[in-house]
């Protein structure tokens, strides 16, 4: 996958239904604050990020930590959701991050994120291994798993998932800079039309 394709994928993150974009911005801001909160002297939990709202979240945090063994599996499901992300279906990336946030509240940032990434990688490796058997298949009458398609789909899913925490700041910077940017004129497509004969 070329650099231009990766940039195109990053741009297509904004091309989604309005309700989904609003959800993506909220989840992006929450996720980015949680990730950056790991740099603090006392690392923040996902619910710790939301404490500024004044909502009493201590009971929810305690409930999650008491169910650590169960909720940590949400990180695995989150990684599999990340793997299911496509250009046309970007909602699994958001669902995956939400699952990782819940798992992170129970098991901590490092364990939840590493588990999600590992489950995504294991899933892709399994598919890549299966695809080796069909690399010479001629796809006509049956479905086949092809190595190139697995690699392309895996990279697409990884890029679309990785940019989720950057949606909120990216959108804010774009809105801020847009009035000051001059766009070049778009080239018109050349339309080939048959010449009409003049009738006298």
N, C-alpha and C. Protein backbone atom coordinates (compact mmCIF):
# COMPACT_ATOMS: atom_id res chain seq x y z
N UNK A 1 0.84 -1.19 0.00
CA UNK A 1 0.00 0.00 0.00
C UNK A 1 0.89 1.25 0.00
N UNK A 2 0.62 2.15 -0.93
CA UNK A 2 1.46 3.34 -1.08
C UNK A 2 1.07 4.42 -0.07
N UNK A 3 1.94 5.42 0.03
CA UNK A 3 1.69 6.54 0.94
C UNK A 3 0.41 7.28 0.54
N UNK A 4 0.21 7.44 -0.76
CA UNK A 4 -1.00 8.14 -1.25
C UNK A 4 -2.27 7.40 -0.83
N UNK A 5 -2.23 6.06 -0.85
CA UNK A 5 -3.40 5.28 -0.45
C UNK A 5 -3.68 5.43 1.04
N UNK A 6 -2.61 5.49 1.85
CA UNK A 6 -2.77 5.66 3.29
C UNK A 6 -3.38 7.02 3.60
N UNK A 7 -2.91 8.07 2.88
CA UNK A 7 -3.47 9.41 3.05
C UNK A 7 -4.94 9.42 2.64
N UNK A 8 -5.25 8.72 1.55
CA UNK A 8 -6.65 8.64 1.08
C UNK A 8 -7.53 7.97 2.13
N UNK A 9 -7.01 6.92 2.76
CA UNK A 9 -7.76 6.23 3.81
C UNK A 9 -7.98 7.16 5.01
N UNK A 10 -6.94 7.91 5.38
CA UNK A 10 -7.07 8.83 6.50
C UNK A 10 -8.14 9.89 6.22
N UNK A 11 -8.24 10.32 4.95
CA UNK A 11 -9.25 11.32 4.58
C UNK A 11 -10.65 10.72 4.58
N UNK A 12 -10.76 9.46 4.20
CA UNK A 12 -12.09 8.85 4.10
C UNK A 12 -12.72 8.63 5.47
N UNK A 13 -11.91 8.81 6.55
CA UNK A 13 -12.45 8.70 7.91
C UNK A 13 -13.55 9.73 8.14
N UNK A 14 -13.43 10.89 7.48
CA UNK A 14 -14.43 11.95 7.65
C UNK A 14 -15.68 11.72 6.80
N UNK A 15 -15.58 10.84 5.81
CA UNK A 15 -16.75 10.58 4.95
C UNK A 15 -17.59 9.47 5.56
N UNK A 16 -18.48 9.85 6.43
CA UNK A 16 -19.38 8.91 7.11
C UNK A 16 -20.65 9.67 7.46
N UNK A 17 -21.74 8.98 7.81
CA UNK A 17 -22.97 9.68 8.20
C UNK A 17 -22.72 10.65 9.36
N UNK A 18 -23.51 11.74 9.39
CA UNK A 18 -23.29 12.80 10.40
C UNK A 18 -23.35 12.25 11.83
N UNK A 19 -24.34 11.36 12.12
CA UNK A 19 -24.46 10.83 13.48
C UNK A 19 -23.21 10.03 13.85
N UNK A 20 -22.67 9.34 12.87
CA UNK A 20 -21.47 8.53 13.12
C UNK A 20 -20.25 9.42 13.32
N UNK A 21 -20.21 10.55 12.60
CA UNK A 21 -19.09 11.49 12.75
C UNK A 21 -19.12 12.13 14.14
N UNK A 22 -20.33 12.48 14.62
CA UNK A 22 -20.45 13.04 15.98
C UNK A 22 -19.99 12.02 17.01
N UNK A 23 -20.42 10.77 16.85
CA UNK A 23 -20.00 9.70 17.76
C UNK A 23 -18.48 9.51 17.69
N UNK A 24 -17.93 9.58 16.47
CA UNK A 24 -16.48 9.40 16.29
C UNK A 24 -15.70 10.51 16.97
N UNK A 25 -16.19 11.75 16.89
CA UNK A 25 -15.49 12.89 17.52
C UNK A 25 -15.49 12.74 19.04
N UNK A 26 -16.64 12.38 19.61
CA UNK A 26 -16.73 12.19 21.07
C UNK A 26 -15.80 11.07 21.52
N UNK A 27 -15.87 9.93 20.84
CA UNK A 27 -15.03 8.78 21.20
C UNK A 27 -13.55 9.08 20.97
N UNK A 28 -13.26 9.83 19.91
CA UNK A 28 -11.88 10.22 19.61
C UNK A 28 -11.29 11.08 20.72
N UNK A 29 -12.06 12.09 21.15
CA UNK A 29 -11.58 12.98 22.21
C UNK A 29 -11.36 12.20 23.51
N UNK A 30 -12.28 11.29 23.82
CA UNK A 30 -12.17 10.49 25.04
C UNK A 30 -10.95 9.57 24.97
N UNK A 31 -10.78 8.91 23.84
CA UNK A 31 -9.65 7.99 23.67
C UNK A 31 -8.32 8.72 23.72
N UNK A 32 -8.23 9.85 23.00
CA UNK A 32 -6.98 10.60 22.97
C UNK A 32 -6.62 11.12 24.36
N UNK A 33 -7.61 11.60 25.11
CA UNK A 33 -7.35 12.07 26.48
C UNK A 33 -6.85 10.92 27.35
N UNK A 34 -7.42 9.72 27.15
CA UNK A 34 -6.98 8.55 27.93
C UNK A 34 -5.55 8.17 27.57
N UNK A 35 -5.23 8.18 26.27
CA UNK A 35 -3.88 7.82 25.82
C UNK A 35 -2.87 8.83 26.37
N UNK A 36 -3.18 10.12 26.23
CA UNK A 36 -2.26 11.15 26.74
C UNK A 36 -2.20 11.14 28.26
N UNK A 37 -3.29 10.69 28.90
CA UNK A 37 -3.31 10.61 30.36
C UNK A 37 -2.34 9.59 30.92
N UNK A 38 -1.82 8.72 30.07
CA UNK A 38 -0.83 7.74 30.54
C UNK A 38 0.53 8.38 30.81
N UNK A 39 0.70 9.62 30.30
CA UNK A 39 1.96 10.34 30.53
C UNK A 39 1.99 11.03 31.88
N UNK A 40 0.84 11.12 32.55
CA UNK A 40 0.76 11.77 33.85
C UNK A 40 1.48 10.95 34.91
N UNK A 41 1.79 11.61 36.04
CA UNK A 41 2.47 10.92 37.14
C UNK A 41 1.64 9.74 37.63
N UNK A 42 0.34 9.96 37.76
CA UNK A 42 -0.61 8.87 38.06
C UNK A 42 -1.46 8.68 36.81
N UNK A 43 -1.22 7.60 36.04
CA UNK A 43 -1.96 7.41 34.78
C UNK A 43 -3.48 7.42 34.97
N UNK A 44 -4.17 8.06 34.04
CA UNK A 44 -5.62 8.18 34.11
C UNK A 44 -6.29 6.91 33.59
N UNK A 45 -7.44 6.60 34.17
CA UNK A 45 -8.29 5.53 33.65
C UNK A 45 -9.30 6.18 32.70
N UNK A 46 -9.99 5.40 31.86
CA UNK A 46 -11.01 5.99 30.98
C UNK A 46 -12.07 6.79 31.74
N UNK A 47 -12.55 6.25 32.87
CA UNK A 47 -13.54 6.99 33.66
C UNK A 47 -12.88 8.14 34.41
N UNK A 48 -11.59 8.01 34.70
CA UNK A 48 -10.85 9.11 35.34
C UNK A 48 -10.78 10.33 34.44
N UNK A 49 -10.77 10.11 33.13
CA UNK A 49 -10.77 11.22 32.17
C UNK A 49 -12.07 12.01 32.29
N UNK A 50 -13.18 11.31 32.60
CA UNK A 50 -14.51 11.95 32.64
C UNK A 50 -14.86 12.55 34.00
N UNK A 51 -13.95 12.47 34.97
CA UNK A 51 -14.28 12.96 36.32
C UNK A 51 -14.55 14.46 36.35
N UNK A 52 -13.98 15.19 35.40
CA UNK A 52 -14.19 16.65 35.35
C UNK A 52 -15.66 17.00 35.10
N UNK A 53 -16.44 16.03 34.59
CA UNK A 53 -17.86 16.31 34.33
C UNK A 53 -18.66 16.43 35.63
N UNK A 54 -18.10 15.93 36.72
CA UNK A 54 -18.81 15.99 38.00
C UNK A 54 -19.72 14.81 38.24
N UNK A 55 -19.83 13.90 37.27
CA UNK A 55 -20.67 12.71 37.43
C UNK A 55 -19.94 11.74 38.37
N UNK A 56 -20.62 11.23 39.40
CA UNK A 56 -19.96 10.28 40.32
C UNK A 56 -19.68 8.95 39.61
N UNK A 57 -18.44 8.71 39.28
CA UNK A 57 -18.06 7.53 38.50
C UNK A 57 -17.25 6.51 39.31
N UNK A 58 -17.01 6.82 40.59
CA UNK A 58 -16.18 5.91 41.42
C UNK A 58 -16.82 4.53 41.54
N UNK A 59 -18.16 4.49 41.67
CA UNK A 59 -18.85 3.20 41.80
C UNK A 59 -18.72 2.38 40.52
N UNK A 60 -18.82 3.05 39.36
CA UNK A 60 -18.69 2.35 38.08
C UNK A 60 -17.28 1.82 37.90
N UNK A 61 -16.28 2.61 38.31
CA UNK A 61 -14.88 2.19 38.20
C UNK A 61 -14.61 0.98 39.10
N UNK A 62 -15.14 1.02 40.32
CA UNK A 62 -14.97 -0.10 41.26
C UNK A 62 -15.65 -1.35 40.72
N UNK A 63 -16.86 -1.17 40.15
CA UNK A 63 -17.61 -2.30 39.56
C UNK A 63 -16.79 -2.95 38.44
N UNK A 64 -16.16 -2.12 37.59
CA UNK A 64 -15.36 -2.64 36.48
C UNK A 64 -14.14 -3.39 36.98
N UNK A 65 -13.47 -2.85 37.99
CA UNK A 65 -12.25 -3.50 38.50
C UNK A 65 -12.56 -4.81 39.20
N UNK A 66 -13.75 -4.92 39.81
CA UNK A 66 -14.15 -6.17 40.45
C UNK A 66 -14.44 -7.27 39.43
N UNK A 67 -14.76 -6.87 38.20
CA UNK A 67 -15.07 -7.83 37.13
C UNK A 67 -13.96 -7.87 36.08
N UNK A 68 -12.74 -7.66 36.53
CA UNK A 68 -11.58 -7.58 35.64
C UNK A 68 -11.45 -8.80 34.74
N UNK A 69 -11.61 -10.00 35.30
CA UNK A 69 -11.41 -11.25 34.53
C UNK A 69 -12.40 -11.38 33.37
N UNK A 70 -13.60 -10.82 33.53
CA UNK A 70 -14.61 -10.90 32.47
C UNK A 70 -14.42 -9.75 31.47
N UNK A 71 -14.28 -8.54 32.00
CA UNK A 71 -14.23 -7.35 31.13
C UNK A 71 -12.96 -7.28 30.29
N UNK A 72 -11.89 -7.95 30.73
CA UNK A 72 -10.66 -7.91 29.95
C UNK A 72 -10.84 -8.58 28.57
N UNK A 73 -11.83 -9.47 28.48
CA UNK A 73 -12.11 -10.13 27.19
C UNK A 73 -12.70 -9.15 26.18
N UNK A 74 -13.21 -8.01 26.67
CA UNK A 74 -13.70 -6.99 25.75
C UNK A 74 -12.56 -6.43 24.89
N UNK A 75 -11.34 -6.45 25.43
CA UNK A 75 -10.19 -6.00 24.64
C UNK A 75 -9.96 -6.93 23.45
N UNK A 76 -10.14 -8.23 23.66
CA UNK A 76 -10.02 -9.20 22.57
C UNK A 76 -11.10 -8.94 21.52
N UNK A 77 -12.34 -8.73 21.97
CA UNK A 77 -13.42 -8.42 21.04
C UNK A 77 -13.16 -7.09 20.33
N UNK A 78 -12.55 -6.15 21.06
CA UNK A 78 -12.20 -4.87 20.45
C UNK A 78 -11.20 -5.03 19.32
N UNK A 79 -10.20 -5.87 19.52
CA UNK A 79 -9.21 -6.14 18.47
C UNK A 79 -9.83 -6.80 17.25
N UNK A 80 -10.78 -7.72 17.48
CA UNK A 80 -11.46 -8.36 16.36
C UNK A 80 -12.37 -7.36 15.63
N UNK A 81 -12.95 -6.42 16.38
CA UNK A 81 -13.75 -5.36 15.74
C UNK A 81 -12.86 -4.48 14.88
N UNK A 82 -11.67 -4.18 15.38
CA UNK A 82 -10.72 -3.40 14.58
C UNK A 82 -10.42 -4.11 13.26
N UNK A 83 -10.25 -5.43 13.34
CA UNK A 83 -9.93 -6.20 12.13
C UNK A 83 -11.08 -6.20 11.13
N UNK A 84 -12.31 -5.97 11.61
CA UNK A 84 -13.48 -5.98 10.73
C UNK A 84 -13.75 -4.62 10.08
N UNK A 85 -12.89 -3.64 10.33
CA UNK A 85 -13.10 -2.29 9.81
C UNK A 85 -12.75 -2.22 8.32
N UNK A 86 -13.62 -1.58 7.55
CA UNK A 86 -13.38 -1.37 6.11
C UNK A 86 -13.68 0.08 5.77
N UNK A 87 -13.38 0.49 4.55
CA UNK A 87 -13.67 1.85 4.12
C UNK A 87 -15.16 2.15 4.20
N UNK A 88 -15.99 1.20 3.77
CA UNK A 88 -17.44 1.41 3.78
C UNK A 88 -18.04 1.18 5.17
N UNK A 89 -17.39 0.37 5.98
CA UNK A 89 -17.88 0.07 7.32
C UNK A 89 -16.86 0.44 8.38
N UNK A 90 -16.90 1.69 8.85
CA UNK A 90 -15.91 2.17 9.82
C UNK A 90 -16.41 2.12 11.26
N UNK A 91 -17.67 1.73 11.43
CA UNK A 91 -18.24 1.65 12.77
C UNK A 91 -17.53 0.62 13.67
N UNK A 92 -17.06 -0.52 13.13
CA UNK A 92 -16.34 -1.48 13.99
C UNK A 92 -15.10 -0.89 14.67
N UNK A 93 -14.44 0.07 14.03
CA UNK A 93 -13.27 0.71 14.66
C UNK A 93 -13.69 1.46 15.91
N UNK A 94 -14.83 2.16 15.83
CA UNK A 94 -15.34 2.89 17.00
C UNK A 94 -15.78 1.92 18.09
N UNK A 95 -16.50 0.86 17.69
CA UNK A 95 -16.95 -0.15 18.66
C UNK A 95 -15.75 -0.81 19.34
N UNK A 96 -14.70 -1.07 18.56
CA UNK A 96 -13.49 -1.67 19.11
C UNK A 96 -12.82 -0.78 20.14
N UNK A 97 -12.70 0.51 19.84
CA UNK A 97 -12.11 1.44 20.80
C UNK A 97 -12.95 1.55 22.07
N UNK A 98 -14.28 1.55 21.91
CA UNK A 98 -15.14 1.61 23.10
C UNK A 98 -14.94 0.38 23.98
N UNK A 99 -14.84 -0.79 23.34
CA UNK A 99 -14.60 -2.04 24.09
C UNK A 99 -13.25 -1.98 24.81
N UNK A 100 -12.24 -1.41 24.15
CA UNK A 100 -10.91 -1.29 24.76
C UNK A 100 -10.95 -0.31 25.94
N UNK A 101 -11.75 0.76 25.82
CA UNK A 101 -11.90 1.70 26.93
C UNK A 101 -12.48 1.01 28.16
N UNK A 102 -13.51 0.18 27.95
CA UNK A 102 -14.11 -0.54 29.08
C UNK A 102 -13.11 -1.53 29.68
N UNK A 103 -12.42 -2.26 28.81
CA UNK A 103 -11.40 -3.21 29.29
C UNK A 103 -10.28 -2.47 30.00
N UNK A 104 -9.93 -1.27 29.51
CA UNK A 104 -8.87 -0.47 30.13
C UNK A 104 -9.25 0.00 31.53
N UNK A 105 -10.53 0.25 31.74
CA UNK A 105 -10.98 0.64 33.08
C UNK A 105 -10.80 -0.52 34.06
N UNK A 106 -11.00 -1.74 33.55
CA UNK A 106 -10.90 -2.92 34.41
C UNK A 106 -9.45 -3.39 34.58
N UNK A 107 -8.69 -3.42 33.48
CA UNK A 107 -7.37 -4.07 33.51
C UNK A 107 -6.20 -3.11 33.32
N UNK A 108 -6.47 -1.85 33.02
CA UNK A 108 -5.38 -0.91 32.79
C UNK A 108 -5.09 -0.73 31.31
N UNK A 109 -4.46 0.41 30.99
CA UNK A 109 -4.20 0.81 29.61
C UNK A 109 -3.35 -0.22 28.86
N UNK A 110 -2.19 -0.52 29.43
CA UNK A 110 -1.22 -1.37 28.72
C UNK A 110 -1.80 -2.74 28.40
N UNK A 111 -2.42 -3.35 29.39
CA UNK A 111 -2.95 -4.71 29.19
C UNK A 111 -4.08 -4.72 28.16
N UNK A 112 -4.98 -3.73 28.23
CA UNK A 112 -6.12 -3.69 27.32
C UNK A 112 -5.68 -3.43 25.88
N UNK A 113 -4.82 -2.45 25.68
CA UNK A 113 -4.38 -2.10 24.32
C UNK A 113 -3.54 -3.21 23.72
N UNK A 114 -2.61 -3.76 24.50
CA UNK A 114 -1.77 -4.85 23.99
C UNK A 114 -2.62 -6.07 23.62
N UNK A 115 -3.60 -6.36 24.43
CA UNK A 115 -4.47 -7.53 24.16
C UNK A 115 -5.28 -7.32 22.89
N UNK A 116 -5.79 -6.09 22.69
CA UNK A 116 -6.56 -5.79 21.48
C UNK A 116 -5.69 -5.88 20.23
N UNK A 117 -4.50 -5.30 20.30
CA UNK A 117 -3.58 -5.35 19.15
C UNK A 117 -3.19 -6.79 18.85
N UNK A 118 -2.90 -7.55 19.91
CA UNK A 118 -2.49 -8.96 19.72
C UNK A 118 -3.61 -9.77 19.08
N UNK A 119 -4.85 -9.57 19.52
CA UNK A 119 -5.96 -10.34 18.94
C UNK A 119 -6.17 -9.97 17.47
N UNK A 120 -5.98 -8.70 17.13
CA UNK A 120 -6.10 -8.29 15.72
C UNK A 120 -5.00 -8.93 14.88
N UNK A 121 -3.77 -8.91 15.39
CA UNK A 121 -2.63 -9.48 14.66
C UNK A 121 -2.80 -10.99 14.49
N UNK A 122 -3.21 -11.68 15.56
CA UNK A 122 -3.41 -13.14 15.48
C UNK A 122 -4.47 -13.48 14.44
N UNK A 123 -5.57 -12.72 14.44
CA UNK A 123 -6.63 -12.95 13.45
C UNK A 123 -6.10 -12.78 12.03
N UNK A 124 -5.32 -11.72 11.79
CA UNK A 124 -4.78 -11.47 10.45
C UNK A 124 -3.75 -12.52 10.05
N UNK A 125 -2.95 -12.98 11.01
CA UNK A 125 -1.96 -14.04 10.71
C UNK A 125 -2.66 -15.34 10.34
N UNK A 126 -3.75 -15.66 11.07
CA UNK A 126 -4.52 -16.88 10.75
C UNK A 126 -5.08 -16.78 9.34
N UNK A 127 -5.68 -15.63 9.01
CA UNK A 127 -6.22 -15.44 7.66
C UNK A 127 -5.13 -15.49 6.60
N UNK A 128 -3.98 -14.88 6.90
CA UNK A 128 -2.87 -14.91 5.93
C UNK A 128 -2.38 -16.33 5.70
N UNK A 129 -2.35 -17.14 6.77
CA UNK A 129 -1.93 -18.54 6.64
C UNK A 129 -2.94 -19.32 5.80
N UNK A 130 -4.23 -19.08 6.06
CA UNK A 130 -5.28 -19.75 5.28
C UNK A 130 -5.19 -19.33 3.81
N UNK A 131 -4.85 -18.06 3.57
CA UNK A 131 -4.82 -17.54 2.20
C UNK A 131 -3.71 -18.17 1.35
N UNK A 132 -2.67 -18.70 2.01
CA UNK A 132 -1.58 -19.32 1.26
C UNK A 132 -2.06 -20.53 0.46
N UNK A 133 -3.10 -21.19 0.96
CA UNK A 133 -3.62 -22.36 0.24
C UNK A 133 -4.38 -21.96 -1.02
N UNK A 134 -4.86 -20.72 -1.07
CA UNK A 134 -5.66 -20.29 -2.21
C UNK A 134 -4.98 -19.27 -3.08
N UNK A 135 -3.65 -19.11 -2.94
CA UNK A 135 -2.97 -18.05 -3.69
C UNK A 135 -2.94 -18.30 -5.19
N UNK A 136 -3.12 -19.57 -5.59
CA UNK A 136 -3.14 -19.85 -7.03
C UNK A 136 -4.55 -20.13 -7.53
N UNK A 137 -5.52 -19.88 -6.66
CA UNK A 137 -6.91 -20.17 -7.03
C UNK A 137 -7.40 -19.19 -8.09
N UNK A 138 -8.17 -19.71 -8.98
CA UNK A 138 -8.80 -18.88 -10.01
C UNK A 138 -10.23 -18.63 -9.57
N UNK A 139 -10.51 -17.40 -9.12
CA UNK A 139 -11.79 -17.10 -8.48
C UNK A 139 -12.87 -16.92 -9.54
N UNK A 140 -13.71 -17.94 -9.67
CA UNK A 140 -14.83 -17.86 -10.61
C UNK A 140 -16.10 -18.32 -9.91
N UNK A 141 -16.10 -19.57 -9.46
CA UNK A 141 -17.31 -20.16 -8.90
C UNK A 141 -17.28 -20.29 -7.38
N UNK A 142 -16.18 -19.92 -6.75
CA UNK A 142 -16.11 -20.09 -5.30
C UNK A 142 -15.39 -18.92 -4.65
N UNK A 143 -15.64 -18.74 -3.38
CA UNK A 143 -14.99 -17.69 -2.62
C UNK A 143 -13.59 -18.17 -2.24
N UNK A 144 -12.61 -17.28 -2.37
CA UNK A 144 -11.23 -17.63 -2.02
C UNK A 144 -10.63 -16.53 -1.16
N UNK A 145 -9.72 -16.92 -0.29
CA UNK A 145 -8.97 -15.95 0.52
C UNK A 145 -7.60 -15.80 -0.11
N UNK A 146 -7.33 -14.61 -0.64
CA UNK A 146 -6.09 -14.36 -1.38
C UNK A 146 -5.11 -13.56 -0.52
N UNK A 147 -3.82 -13.89 -0.56
CA UNK A 147 -2.83 -13.19 0.29
C UNK A 147 -2.82 -11.68 0.10
N UNK A 148 -2.87 -11.21 -1.16
CA UNK A 148 -2.84 -9.76 -1.40
C UNK A 148 -4.05 -9.07 -0.80
N UNK A 149 -5.22 -9.71 -0.92
CA UNK A 149 -6.45 -9.13 -0.39
C UNK A 149 -6.42 -9.08 1.14
N UNK A 150 -5.87 -10.13 1.76
CA UNK A 150 -5.76 -10.17 3.22
C UNK A 150 -4.84 -9.05 3.69
N UNK A 151 -3.70 -8.87 3.01
CA UNK A 151 -2.74 -7.84 3.40
C UNK A 151 -3.35 -6.44 3.24
N UNK A 152 -4.02 -6.23 2.10
CA UNK A 152 -4.63 -4.92 1.85
C UNK A 152 -5.74 -4.62 2.86
N UNK A 153 -6.59 -5.61 3.13
CA UNK A 153 -7.68 -5.42 4.09
C UNK A 153 -7.14 -5.19 5.50
N UNK A 154 -6.06 -5.90 5.85
CA UNK A 154 -5.45 -5.73 7.17
C UNK A 154 -4.85 -4.35 7.36
N UNK A 155 -4.15 -3.86 6.33
CA UNK A 155 -3.56 -2.51 6.41
C UNK A 155 -4.66 -1.46 6.48
N UNK A 156 -5.71 -1.65 5.67
CA UNK A 156 -6.84 -0.72 5.69
C UNK A 156 -7.46 -0.65 7.08
N UNK A 157 -7.71 -1.81 7.67
CA UNK A 157 -8.31 -1.87 9.02
C UNK A 157 -7.39 -1.20 10.05
N UNK A 158 -6.09 -1.46 9.96
CA UNK A 158 -5.13 -0.89 10.92
C UNK A 158 -5.08 0.63 10.81
N UNK A 159 -5.05 1.16 9.58
CA UNK A 159 -4.98 2.62 9.40
C UNK A 159 -6.25 3.28 9.89
N UNK A 160 -7.42 2.74 9.50
CA UNK A 160 -8.69 3.34 9.90
C UNK A 160 -8.90 3.26 11.41
N UNK A 161 -8.33 2.26 12.05
CA UNK A 161 -8.43 2.13 13.50
C UNK A 161 -7.47 3.09 14.20
N UNK A 162 -6.25 3.18 13.67
CA UNK A 162 -5.22 4.01 14.31
C UNK A 162 -5.56 5.49 14.29
N UNK A 163 -6.31 5.93 13.27
CA UNK A 163 -6.62 7.37 13.18
C UNK A 163 -7.82 7.79 14.03
N UNK A 164 -8.51 6.84 14.64
CA UNK A 164 -9.69 7.19 15.45
C UNK A 164 -9.36 8.21 16.55
N UNK A 165 -8.27 8.02 17.34
CA UNK A 165 -7.97 9.03 18.36
C UNK A 165 -7.61 10.40 17.78
N UNK A 166 -7.28 10.46 16.49
CA UNK A 166 -6.86 11.72 15.87
C UNK A 166 -8.00 12.45 15.17
N UNK A 167 -9.21 11.86 15.16
CA UNK A 167 -10.34 12.47 14.45
C UNK A 167 -10.70 13.83 15.05
N UNK A 168 -10.85 13.89 16.37
CA UNK A 168 -11.27 15.14 17.03
C UNK A 168 -10.25 16.27 16.81
N UNK A 169 -8.95 16.06 17.12
CA UNK A 169 -8.01 17.16 16.86
C UNK A 169 -7.86 17.48 15.38
N UNK A 170 -7.93 16.45 14.53
CA UNK A 170 -7.81 16.68 13.09
C UNK A 170 -8.95 17.54 12.56
N UNK A 171 -10.16 17.25 13.03
CA UNK A 171 -11.33 18.02 12.60
C UNK A 171 -11.26 19.45 13.12
N UNK A 172 -10.78 19.61 14.36
CA UNK A 172 -10.65 20.95 14.93
C UNK A 172 -9.64 21.79 14.15
N UNK A 173 -8.49 21.20 13.82
CA UNK A 173 -7.46 21.93 13.05
C UNK A 173 -7.97 22.27 11.66
N UNK A 174 -8.68 21.32 11.03
CA UNK A 174 -9.22 21.55 9.68
C UNK A 174 -10.20 22.71 9.69
N UNK A 175 -11.12 22.74 10.68
CA UNK A 175 -12.10 23.83 10.78
C UNK A 175 -11.42 25.16 11.03
N UNK A 176 -10.35 25.14 11.81
CA UNK A 176 -9.64 26.37 12.15
C UNK A 176 -8.88 26.94 10.96
N UNK A 177 -8.26 26.05 10.18
CA UNK A 177 -7.38 26.48 9.08
C UNK A 177 -8.15 26.72 7.78
N UNK A 178 -9.32 26.10 7.62
CA UNK A 178 -10.04 26.15 6.34
C UNK A 178 -10.23 27.56 5.77
N UNK A 179 -10.60 28.59 6.57
CA UNK A 179 -10.81 29.92 5.97
C UNK A 179 -9.53 30.55 5.41
N UNK A 180 -8.37 30.05 5.83
CA UNK A 180 -7.10 30.66 5.44
C UNK A 180 -6.41 29.91 4.31
N UNK A 181 -7.03 28.84 3.83
CA UNK A 181 -6.43 28.02 2.78
C UNK A 181 -7.08 28.35 1.43
N UNK A 182 -6.25 28.56 0.44
CA UNK A 182 -6.74 28.80 -0.92
C UNK A 182 -6.57 27.52 -1.72
N UNK A 183 -7.67 27.06 -2.28
CA UNK A 183 -7.62 25.82 -3.07
C UNK A 183 -7.41 26.16 -4.54
N UNK A 184 -6.62 25.36 -5.23
CA UNK A 184 -6.45 25.59 -6.67
C UNK A 184 -7.72 25.23 -7.42
N UNK A 185 -7.93 25.83 -8.59
CA UNK A 185 -9.14 25.49 -9.36
C UNK A 185 -9.11 24.03 -9.79
N UNK A 186 -10.28 23.41 -9.80
CA UNK A 186 -10.37 22.00 -10.21
C UNK A 186 -10.37 21.91 -11.72
N UNK A 187 -9.68 20.91 -12.22
CA UNK A 187 -9.66 20.70 -13.67
C UNK A 187 -10.97 20.06 -14.10
N UNK A 188 -11.49 20.59 -15.19
CA UNK A 188 -12.72 20.01 -15.73
C UNK A 188 -12.38 18.76 -16.53
N UNK A 189 -13.24 17.77 -16.41
CA UNK A 189 -13.03 16.55 -17.20
C UNK A 189 -13.34 16.83 -18.65
N UNK A 190 -12.55 16.26 -19.51
CA UNK A 190 -12.79 16.41 -20.94
C UNK A 190 -13.87 15.42 -21.37
N UNK A 191 -14.89 15.93 -21.98
CA UNK A 191 -16.00 15.08 -22.42
C UNK A 191 -15.91 14.91 -23.92
N UNK A 192 -15.81 13.66 -24.32
CA UNK A 192 -15.76 13.35 -25.75
C UNK A 192 -17.19 13.24 -26.27
N UNK A 193 -17.60 14.21 -27.09
CA UNK A 193 -18.95 14.17 -27.67
C UNK A 193 -18.85 14.07 -29.17
N UNK A 194 -19.68 13.26 -29.78
CA UNK A 194 -19.63 13.13 -31.25
C UNK A 194 -20.07 14.44 -31.92
N UNK A 195 -19.41 14.77 -33.03
CA UNK A 195 -19.77 15.97 -33.76
C UNK A 195 -21.06 15.72 -34.55
N UNK A 196 -21.93 16.71 -34.51
CA UNK A 196 -23.19 16.58 -35.23
C UNK A 196 -23.06 17.20 -36.62
N UNK A 197 -23.64 16.55 -37.57
CA UNK A 197 -23.61 17.07 -38.93
C UNK A 197 -24.62 18.17 -39.12
N UNK A 198 -24.21 19.18 -39.82
CA UNK A 198 -25.16 20.26 -40.10
C UNK A 198 -26.07 19.80 -41.24
N UNK A 199 -27.34 20.06 -41.05
CA UNK A 199 -28.28 19.72 -42.13
C UNK A 199 -28.76 21.00 -42.79
N UNK A 200 -28.72 21.04 -44.08
CA UNK A 200 -29.09 22.24 -44.80
C UNK A 200 -30.43 22.06 -45.37
